[in-house]
PDB file of N, CA and C in Angstrom:
ATOM      1  N   UNK A   1     -21.625  11.537  13.791  1.00  0.00           N
ATOM      2  CA  UNK A   1     -22.189  10.221  13.477  1.00  0.00           C
ATOM      3  C   UNK A   1     -21.128   9.530  12.476  1.00  0.00           C
ATOM      4  N   UNK A   2     -20.611   8.404  12.868  1.00  0.00           N
ATOM      5  CA  UNK A   2     -19.632   7.727  11.928  1.00  0.00           C
ATOM      6  C   UNK A   2     -20.235   7.314  10.574  1.00  0.00           C
ATOM      7  N   UNK A   3     -19.308   7.434   9.567  1.00  0.00           N
ATOM      8  CA  UNK A   3     -19.777   7.032   8.202  1.00  0.00           C
ATOM      9  C   UNK A   3     -18.945   5.833   7.773  1.00  0.00           C
ATOM     10  N   UNK A   4     -19.432   5.235   6.757  1.00  0.00           N
ATOM     11  CA  UNK A   4     -18.837   4.077   6.103  1.00  0.00           C
ATOM     12  C   UNK A   4     -17.423   4.484   5.628  1.00  0.00           C
ATOM     13  N   UNK A   5     -16.429   3.723   5.665  1.00  0.00           N
ATOM     14  CA  UNK A   5     -15.147   4.091   4.960  1.00  0.00           C
ATOM     15  C   UNK A   5     -15.395   4.175   3.570  1.00  0.00           C
ATOM     16  N   UNK A   6     -14.765   5.182   2.939  1.00  0.00           N
ATOM     17  CA  UNK A   6     -14.838   5.323   1.507  1.00  0.00           C
ATOM     18  C   UNK A   6     -13.502   5.142   0.898  1.00  0.00           C
ATOM     19  N   UNK A   7     -13.429   4.844  -0.369  1.00  0.00           N
ATOM     20  CA  UNK A   7     -12.137   4.610  -1.043  1.00  0.00           C
ATOM     21  C   UNK A   7     -11.331   5.881  -1.182  1.00  0.00           C
ATOM     22  N   UNK A   8     -11.832   7.008  -0.703  1.00  0.00           N
ATOM     23  CA  UNK A   8     -11.080   8.274  -0.745  1.00  0.00           C
ATOM     24  C   UNK A   8     -10.186   8.443   0.503  1.00  0.00           C
ATOM     25  N   UNK A   9     -10.212   7.483   1.501  1.00  0.00           N
ATOM     26  CA  UNK A   9      -9.373   7.685   2.668  1.00  0.00           C
ATOM     27  C   UNK A   9      -7.947   7.426   2.185  1.00  0.00           C
ATOM     28  N   UNK A  10      -6.884   8.168   2.836  1.00  0.00           N
ATOM     29  CA  UNK A  10      -5.575   7.914   2.564  1.00  0.00           C
ATOM     30  C   UNK A  10      -5.123   6.499   2.679  1.00  0.00           C
ATOM     31  N   UNK A  11      -5.635   5.915   3.614  1.00  0.00           N
ATOM     32  CA  UNK A  11      -5.198   4.487   3.912  1.00  0.00           C
ATOM     33  C   UNK A  11      -5.656   3.598   2.823  1.00  0.00           C
ATOM     34  N   UNK A  12      -6.911   3.718   2.283  1.00  0.00           N
ATOM     35  CA  UNK A  12      -7.373   2.805   1.250  1.00  0.00           C
ATOM     36  C   UNK A  12      -6.762   3.270  -0.091  1.00  0.00           C
ATOM     37  N   UNK A  13      -6.513   4.494  -0.229  1.00  0.00           N
ATOM     38  CA  UNK A  13      -5.849   4.830  -1.547  1.00  0.00           C
ATOM     39  C   UNK A  13      -4.396   4.343  -1.579  1.00  0.00           C
ATOM     40  N   UNK A  14      -3.684   4.422  -0.395  1.00  0.00           N
ATOM     41  CA  UNK A  14      -2.352   3.752  -0.298  1.00  0.00           C
ATOM     42  C   UNK A  14      -2.437   2.331  -0.586  1.00  0.00           C
ATOM     43  N   UNK A  15      -3.482   1.623   0.039  1.00  0.00           N
ATOM     44  CA  UNK A  15      -3.548   0.196  -0.194  1.00  0.00           C
ATOM     45  C   UNK A  15      -3.740  -0.216  -1.575  1.00  0.00           C
ATOM     46  N   UNK A  16      -4.650   0.462  -2.256  1.00  0.00           N
ATOM     47  CA  UNK A  16      -5.061   0.253  -3.639  1.00  0.00           C
ATOM     48  C   UNK A  16      -3.845   0.502  -4.555  1.00  0.00           C
ATOM     49  N   UNK A  17      -3.136   1.588  -4.360  1.00  0.00           N
ATOM     50  CA  UNK A  17      -1.939   1.947  -5.175  1.00  0.00           C
ATOM     51  C   UNK A  17      -0.784   0.982  -4.792  1.00  0.00           C
ATOM     52  N   UNK A  18      -0.630   0.552  -3.645  1.00  0.00           N
ATOM     53  CA  UNK A  18       0.410  -0.410  -3.308  1.00  0.00           C
ATOM     54  C   UNK A  18       0.129  -1.731  -4.066  1.00  0.00           C
ATOM     55  N   UNK A  19      -1.068  -2.165  -3.978  1.00  0.00           N
ATOM     56  CA  UNK A  19      -1.351  -3.412  -4.727  1.00  0.00           C
ATOM     57  C   UNK A  19      -1.067  -3.261  -6.169  1.00  0.00           C
ATOM     58  N   UNK A  20      -1.465  -2.205  -6.862  1.00  0.00           N
ATOM     59  CA  UNK A  20      -1.217  -1.897  -8.229  1.00  0.00           C
ATOM     60  C   UNK A  20       0.328  -2.017  -8.518  1.00  0.00           C
ATOM     61  N   UNK A  21       1.083  -1.258  -7.668  1.00  0.00           N
ATOM     62  CA  UNK A  21       2.492  -1.184  -7.892  1.00  0.00           C
ATOM     63  C   UNK A  21       3.145  -2.564  -7.676  1.00  0.00           C
ATOM     64  N   UNK A  22       2.628  -3.325  -6.697  1.00  0.00           N
ATOM     65  CA  UNK A  22       3.260  -4.628  -6.542  1.00  0.00           C
ATOM     66  C   UNK A  22       2.976  -5.550  -7.739  1.00  0.00           C
ATOM     67  N   UNK A  23       1.772  -5.554  -8.262  1.00  0.00           N
ATOM     68  CA  UNK A  23       1.476  -6.297  -9.327  1.00  0.00           C
ATOM     69  C   UNK A  23       2.205  -5.901 -10.673  1.00  0.00           C
ATOM     70  N   UNK A  24       2.433  -4.587 -10.838  1.00  0.00           N
ATOM     71  CA  UNK A  24       3.183  -4.192 -12.016  1.00  0.00           C
ATOM     72  C   UNK A  24       4.681  -4.534 -11.874  1.00  0.00           C
ATOM     73  N   UNK A  25       5.100  -4.835 -10.625  1.00  0.00           N
ATOM     74  CA  UNK A  25       6.430  -5.293 -10.386  1.00  0.00           C
ATOM     75  C   UNK A  25       6.493  -6.883 -10.480  1.00  0.00           C
ATOM     76  N   UNK A  26       5.385  -7.443 -10.649  1.00  0.00           N
ATOM     77  CA  UNK A  26       5.200  -8.919 -10.717  1.00  0.00           C
ATOM     78  C   UNK A  26       5.828  -9.534  -9.466  1.00  0.00           C
ATOM     79  N   UNK A  27       5.359  -8.958  -8.315  1.00  0.00           N
ATOM     80  CA  UNK A  27       5.762  -9.441  -6.934  1.00  0.00           C
ATOM     81  C   UNK A  27       4.488 -10.086  -6.320  1.00  0.00           C
ATOM     82  N   UNK A  28       4.886 -11.142  -5.508  1.00  0.00           N
ATOM     83  CA  UNK A  28       3.852 -11.717  -4.588  1.00  0.00           C
ATOM     84  C   UNK A  28       3.836 -10.744  -3.346  1.00  0.00           C
ATOM     85  N   UNK A  29       2.914 -10.953  -2.549  1.00  0.00           N
ATOM     86  CA  UNK A  29       2.894 -10.253  -1.185  1.00  0.00           C
ATOM     87  C   UNK A  29       4.128 -10.682  -0.497  1.00  0.00           C
ATOM     88  N   UNK A  30       4.387 -12.012  -0.529  1.00  0.00           N
ATOM     89  CA  UNK A  30       5.611 -12.523   0.191  1.00  0.00           C
ATOM     90  C   UNK A  30       6.917 -11.838  -0.306  1.00  0.00           C
ATOM     91  N   UNK A  31       6.952 -11.634  -1.591  1.00  0.00           N
ATOM     92  CA  UNK A  31       8.165 -10.999  -2.291  1.00  0.00           C
ATOM     93  C   UNK A  31       8.333  -9.609  -1.879  1.00  0.00           C
ATOM     94  N   UNK A  32       7.126  -8.915  -1.843  1.00  0.00           N
ATOM     95  CA  UNK A  32       7.146  -7.464  -1.278  1.00  0.00           C
ATOM     96  C   UNK A  32       7.552  -7.449   0.157  1.00  0.00           C
ATOM     97  N   UNK A  33       7.069  -8.420   0.869  1.00  0.00           N
ATOM     98  CA  UNK A  33       7.351  -8.400   2.319  1.00  0.00           C
ATOM     99  C   UNK A  33       8.863  -8.578   2.532  1.00  0.00           C
ATOM    100  N   UNK A  34       9.410  -9.431   1.760  1.00  0.00           N
ATOM    101  CA  UNK A  34      10.905  -9.710   1.825  1.00  0.00           C
ATOM    102  C   UNK A  34      11.713  -8.458   1.493  1.00  0.00           C
ATOM    103  N   UNK A  35      11.379  -7.838   0.359  1.00  0.00           N
ATOM    104  CA  UNK A  35      12.039  -6.613  -0.067  1.00  0.00           C
ATOM    105  C   UNK A  35      11.898  -5.500   0.951  1.00  0.00           C
ATOM    106  N   UNK A  36      10.849  -5.284   1.580  1.00  0.00           N
ATOM    107  CA  UNK A  36      10.586  -4.262   2.508  1.00  0.00           C
ATOM    108  C   UNK A  36      10.954  -4.612   3.898  1.00  0.00           C
ATOM    109  N   UNK A  37      11.317  -5.829   4.114  1.00  0.00           N
ATOM    110  CA  UNK A  37      11.678  -6.437   5.544  1.00  0.00           C
ATOM    111  C   UNK A  37      10.548  -6.320   6.371  1.00  0.00           C
ATOM    112  N   UNK A  38       9.268  -6.698   5.952  1.00  0.00           N
ATOM    113  CA  UNK A  38       8.115  -6.672   6.755  1.00  0.00           C
ATOM    114  C   UNK A  38       7.478  -8.065   6.676  1.00  0.00           C
ATOM    115  N   UNK A  39       6.685  -8.388   7.649  1.00  0.00           N
ATOM    116  CA  UNK A  39       6.062  -9.588   7.624  1.00  0.00           C
ATOM    117  C   UNK A  39       4.997  -9.757   6.507  1.00  0.00           C
ATOM    118  N   UNK A  40       4.871 -10.983   5.854  1.00  0.00           N
ATOM    119  CA  UNK A  40       3.959 -11.084   4.716  1.00  0.00           C
ATOM    120  C   UNK A  40       2.497 -10.914   5.131  1.00  0.00           C
ATOM    121  N   UNK A  41       2.070 -11.282   6.347  1.00  0.00           N
ATOM    122  CA  UNK A  41       0.711 -11.039   6.794  1.00  0.00           C
ATOM    123  C   UNK A  41       0.442  -9.600   6.992  1.00  0.00           C
ATOM    124  N   UNK A  42       1.445  -8.842   7.355  1.00  0.00           N
ATOM    125  CA  UNK A  42       1.331  -7.342   7.556  1.00  0.00           C
ATOM    126  C   UNK A  42       1.090  -6.759   6.151  1.00  0.00           C
ATOM    127  N   UNK A  43       1.901  -7.118   5.202  1.00  0.00           N
ATOM    128  CA  UNK A  43       1.709  -6.566   3.845  1.00  0.00           C
ATOM    129  C   UNK A  43       0.329  -6.798   3.320  1.00  0.00           C
ATOM    130  N   UNK A  44      -0.211  -8.039   3.485  1.00  0.00           N
ATOM    131  CA  UNK A  44      -1.585  -8.360   3.108  1.00  0.00           C
ATOM    132  C   UNK A  44      -2.635  -7.497   3.753  1.00  0.00           C
ATOM    133  N   UNK A  45      -2.481  -7.221   5.069  1.00  0.00           N
ATOM    134  CA  UNK A  45      -3.441  -6.485   5.778  1.00  0.00           C
ATOM    135  C   UNK A  45      -3.339  -4.983   5.375  1.00  0.00           C
ATOM    136  N   UNK A  46      -2.097  -4.584   5.007  1.00  0.00           N
ATOM    137  CA  UNK A  46      -1.919  -3.156   4.478  1.00  0.00           C
ATOM    138  C   UNK A  46      -2.591  -3.005   3.149  1.00  0.00           C
ATOM    139  N   UNK A  47      -2.522  -4.010   2.315  1.00  0.00           N
ATOM    140  CA  UNK A  47      -3.128  -3.927   0.894  1.00  0.00           C
ATOM    141  C   UNK A  47      -4.670  -4.054   1.091  1.00  0.00           C
ATOM    142  N   UNK A  48      -5.207  -4.662   2.116  1.00  0.00           N
ATOM    143  CA  UNK A  48      -6.636  -4.700   2.356  1.00  0.00           C
ATOM    144  C   UNK A  48      -7.146  -3.433   3.009  1.00  0.00           C
ATOM    145  N   UNK A  49      -6.232  -2.527   3.450  1.00  0.00           N
ATOM    146  CA  UNK A  49      -6.648  -1.371   4.153  1.00  0.00           C
ATOM    147  C   UNK A  49      -7.025  -1.546   5.582  1.00  0.00           C
ATOM    148  N   UNK A  50      -6.589  -2.685   6.136  1.00  0.00           N
ATOM    149  CA  UNK A  50      -7.012  -3.051   7.489  1.00  0.00           C
ATOM    150  C   UNK A  50      -5.997  -2.469   8.516  1.00  0.00           C
ATOM    151  N   UNK A  51      -4.820  -2.083   8.097  1.00  0.00           N
ATOM    152  CA  UNK A  51      -3.842  -1.511   8.986  1.00  0.00           C
ATOM    153  C   UNK A  51      -3.696  -0.047   8.845  1.00  0.00           C
ATOM    154  N   UNK A  52      -3.562   0.644  10.001  1.00  0.00           N
ATOM    155  CA  UNK A  52      -3.130   2.007  10.041  1.00  0.00           C
ATOM    156  C   UNK A  52      -1.570   2.103  10.060  1.00  0.00           C
ATOM    157  N   UNK A  53      -1.140   2.039   8.709  1.00  0.00           N
ATOM    158  CA  UNK A  53       0.305   1.808   8.616  1.00  0.00           C
ATOM    159  C   UNK A  53       1.141   3.102   8.941  1.00  0.00           C
ATOM    160  N   UNK A  54       2.297   2.939   9.432  1.00  0.00           N
ATOM    161  CA  UNK A  54       3.142   4.004   9.816  1.00  0.00           C
ATOM    162  C   UNK A  54       3.784   4.600   8.589  1.00  0.00           C
ATOM    163  N   UNK A  55       4.124   5.796   8.735  1.00  0.00           N
ATOM    164  CA  UNK A  55       4.845   6.465   7.608  1.00  0.00           C
ATOM    165  C   UNK A  55       6.130   5.823   7.285  1.00  0.00           C
ATOM    166  N   UNK A  56       6.885   5.341   8.249  1.00  0.00           N
ATOM    167  CA  UNK A  56       8.113   4.652   8.046  1.00  0.00           C
ATOM    168  C   UNK A  56       7.899   3.400   7.187  1.00  0.00           C
ATOM    169  N   UNK A  57       6.847   2.557   7.535  1.00  0.00           N
ATOM    170  CA  UNK A  57       6.531   1.392   6.767  1.00  0.00           C
ATOM    171  C   UNK A  57       6.053   1.749   5.413  1.00  0.00           C
ATOM    172  N   UNK A  58       5.270   2.783   5.272  1.00  0.00           N
ATOM    173  CA  UNK A  58       4.776   3.317   3.996  1.00  0.00           C
ATOM    174  C   UNK A  58       6.033   3.534   3.039  1.00  0.00           C
ATOM    175  N   UNK A  59       7.059   4.206   3.658  1.00  0.00           N
ATOM    176  CA  UNK A  59       8.204   4.495   2.969  1.00  0.00           C
ATOM    177  C   UNK A  59       8.985   3.200   2.454  1.00  0.00           C
ATOM    178  N   UNK A  60       9.027   2.212   3.400  1.00  0.00           N
ATOM    179  CA  UNK A  60       9.774   1.012   3.080  1.00  0.00           C
ATOM    180  C   UNK A  60       9.015   0.237   1.959  1.00  0.00           C
ATOM    181  N   UNK A  61       7.727   0.285   2.019  1.00  0.00           N
ATOM    182  CA  UNK A  61       6.927  -0.471   0.925  1.00  0.00           C
ATOM    183  C   UNK A  61       7.088   0.275  -0.429  1.00  0.00           C
ATOM    184  N   UNK A  62       7.074   1.599  -0.370  1.00  0.00           N
ATOM    185  CA  UNK A  62       7.242   2.381  -1.517  1.00  0.00           C
ATOM    186  C   UNK A  62       8.629   2.156  -2.234  1.00  0.00           C
ATOM    187  N   UNK A  63       9.663   2.230  -1.404  1.00  0.00           N
ATOM    188  CA  UNK A  63      11.025   1.921  -1.933  1.00  0.00           C
ATOM    189  C   UNK A  63      11.076   0.487  -2.534  1.00  0.00           C
ATOM    190  N   UNK A  64      10.349  -0.468  -1.907  1.00  0.00           N
ATOM    191  CA  UNK A  64      10.493  -1.873  -2.326  1.00  0.00           C
ATOM    192  C   UNK A  64       9.838  -2.054  -3.762  1.00  0.00           C
ATOM    193  N   UNK A  65       8.807  -1.276  -4.110  1.00  0.00           N
ATOM    194  CA  UNK A  65       8.135  -1.328  -5.428  1.00  0.00           C
ATOM    195  C   UNK A  65       8.760  -0.304  -6.417  1.00  0.00           C
ATOM    196  N   UNK A  66       9.645   0.571  -5.900  1.00  0.00           N
ATOM    197  CA  UNK A  66      10.322   1.522  -6.822  1.00  0.00           C
ATOM    198  C   UNK A  66       9.458   2.751  -7.108  1.00  0.00           C
ATOM    199  N   UNK A  67       8.538   3.021  -6.242  1.00  0.00           N
ATOM    200  CA  UNK A  67       7.675   4.116  -6.394  1.00  0.00           C
ATOM    201  C   UNK A  67       7.996   5.214  -5.307  1.00  0.00           C
ATOM    202  N   UNK A  68       7.690   6.548  -5.692  1.00  0.00           N
ATOM    203  CA  UNK A  68       7.750   7.537  -4.595  1.00  0.00           C
ATOM    204  C   UNK A  68       6.593   7.364  -3.623  1.00  0.00           C
ATOM    205  N   UNK A  69       6.830   7.595  -2.424  1.00  0.00           N
ATOM    206  CA  UNK A  69       5.744   7.543  -1.413  1.00  0.00           C
ATOM    207  C   UNK A  69       4.561   8.442  -1.869  1.00  0.00           C
ATOM    208  N   UNK A  70       4.841   9.717  -2.364  1.00  0.00           N
ATOM    209  CA  UNK A  70       3.773  10.598  -2.721  1.00  0.00           C
ATOM    210  C   UNK A  70       2.895  10.033  -3.802  1.00  0.00           C
ATOM    211  N   UNK A  71       3.414   9.166  -4.634  1.00  0.00           N
ATOM    212  CA  UNK A  71       2.796   8.641  -5.738  1.00  0.00           C
ATOM    213  C   UNK A  71       1.758   7.546  -5.253  1.00  0.00           C
ATOM    214  N   UNK A  72       2.102   6.803  -4.168  1.00  0.00           N
ATOM    215  CA  UNK A  72       1.306   5.834  -3.619  1.00  0.00           C
ATOM    216  C   UNK A  72       0.107   6.459  -2.845  1.00  0.00           C
ATOM    217  N   UNK A  73       0.158   7.727  -2.532  1.00  0.00           N
ATOM    218  CA  UNK A  73      -0.815   8.463  -1.882  1.00  0.00           C
ATOM    219  C   UNK A  73      -1.659   9.353  -2.837  1.00  0.00           C
ATOM    220  N   UNK A  74      -1.373   9.332  -4.078  1.00  0.00           N
ATOM    221  CA  UNK A  74      -2.096  10.176  -5.100  1.00  0.00           C
ATOM    222  C   UNK A  74      -3.087   9.271  -5.879  1.00  0.00           C
ATOM    223  N   UNK A  75      -4.305   9.898  -6.123  1.00  0.00           N
ATOM    224  CA  UNK A  75      -5.259   9.158  -6.948  1.00  0.00           C
ATOM    225  C   UNK A  75      -4.726   8.934  -8.345  1.00  0.00           C
ATOM    226  N   UNK A  76      -5.053   7.707  -8.867  1.00  0.00           N
ATOM    227  CA  UNK A  76      -4.602   7.411 -10.254  1.00  0.00           C
ATOM    228  C   UNK A  76      -5.705   7.827 -11.143  1.00  0.00           C
ATOM    229  N   UNK A  77      -5.259   8.034 -12.442  1.00  0.00           N
ATOM    230  CA  UNK A  77      -6.309   8.466 -13.331  1.00  0.00           C
ATOM    231  C   UNK A  77      -7.496   7.542 -13.346  1.00  0.00           C
ATOM    232  N   UNK A  78      -8.701   8.151 -13.434  1.00  0.00           N
ATOM    233  CA  UNK A  78      -9.999   7.291 -13.522  1.00  0.00           C
ATOM    234  C   UNK A  78     -10.442   6.992 -12.032  1.00  0.00           C
ATOM    235  N   UNK A  79      -9.810   7.431 -11.036  1.00  0.00           N
ATOM    236  CA  UNK A  79     -10.310   7.139  -9.685  1.00  0.00           C
ATOM    237  C   UNK A  79     -10.890   8.266  -9.002  1.00  0.00           C
TER     238      UNK A  79
END
């Protein structure tokens, strides 16, 4: 029986951490898209957890915000 998506899924954890990292860098979604060479609407859908993002694109996004990919997949303190 399918269950509701929880915030503990890797995709949603990545989405939340990516948004946090982007905001810390003071980047807009458009700026992040430019740095990662991805489309701005794609970046927005990744941040909302709507995309099953490829590992290659995860790596591009992590590099664009200056974080290690493993850190974008790790729970932050208090989560």
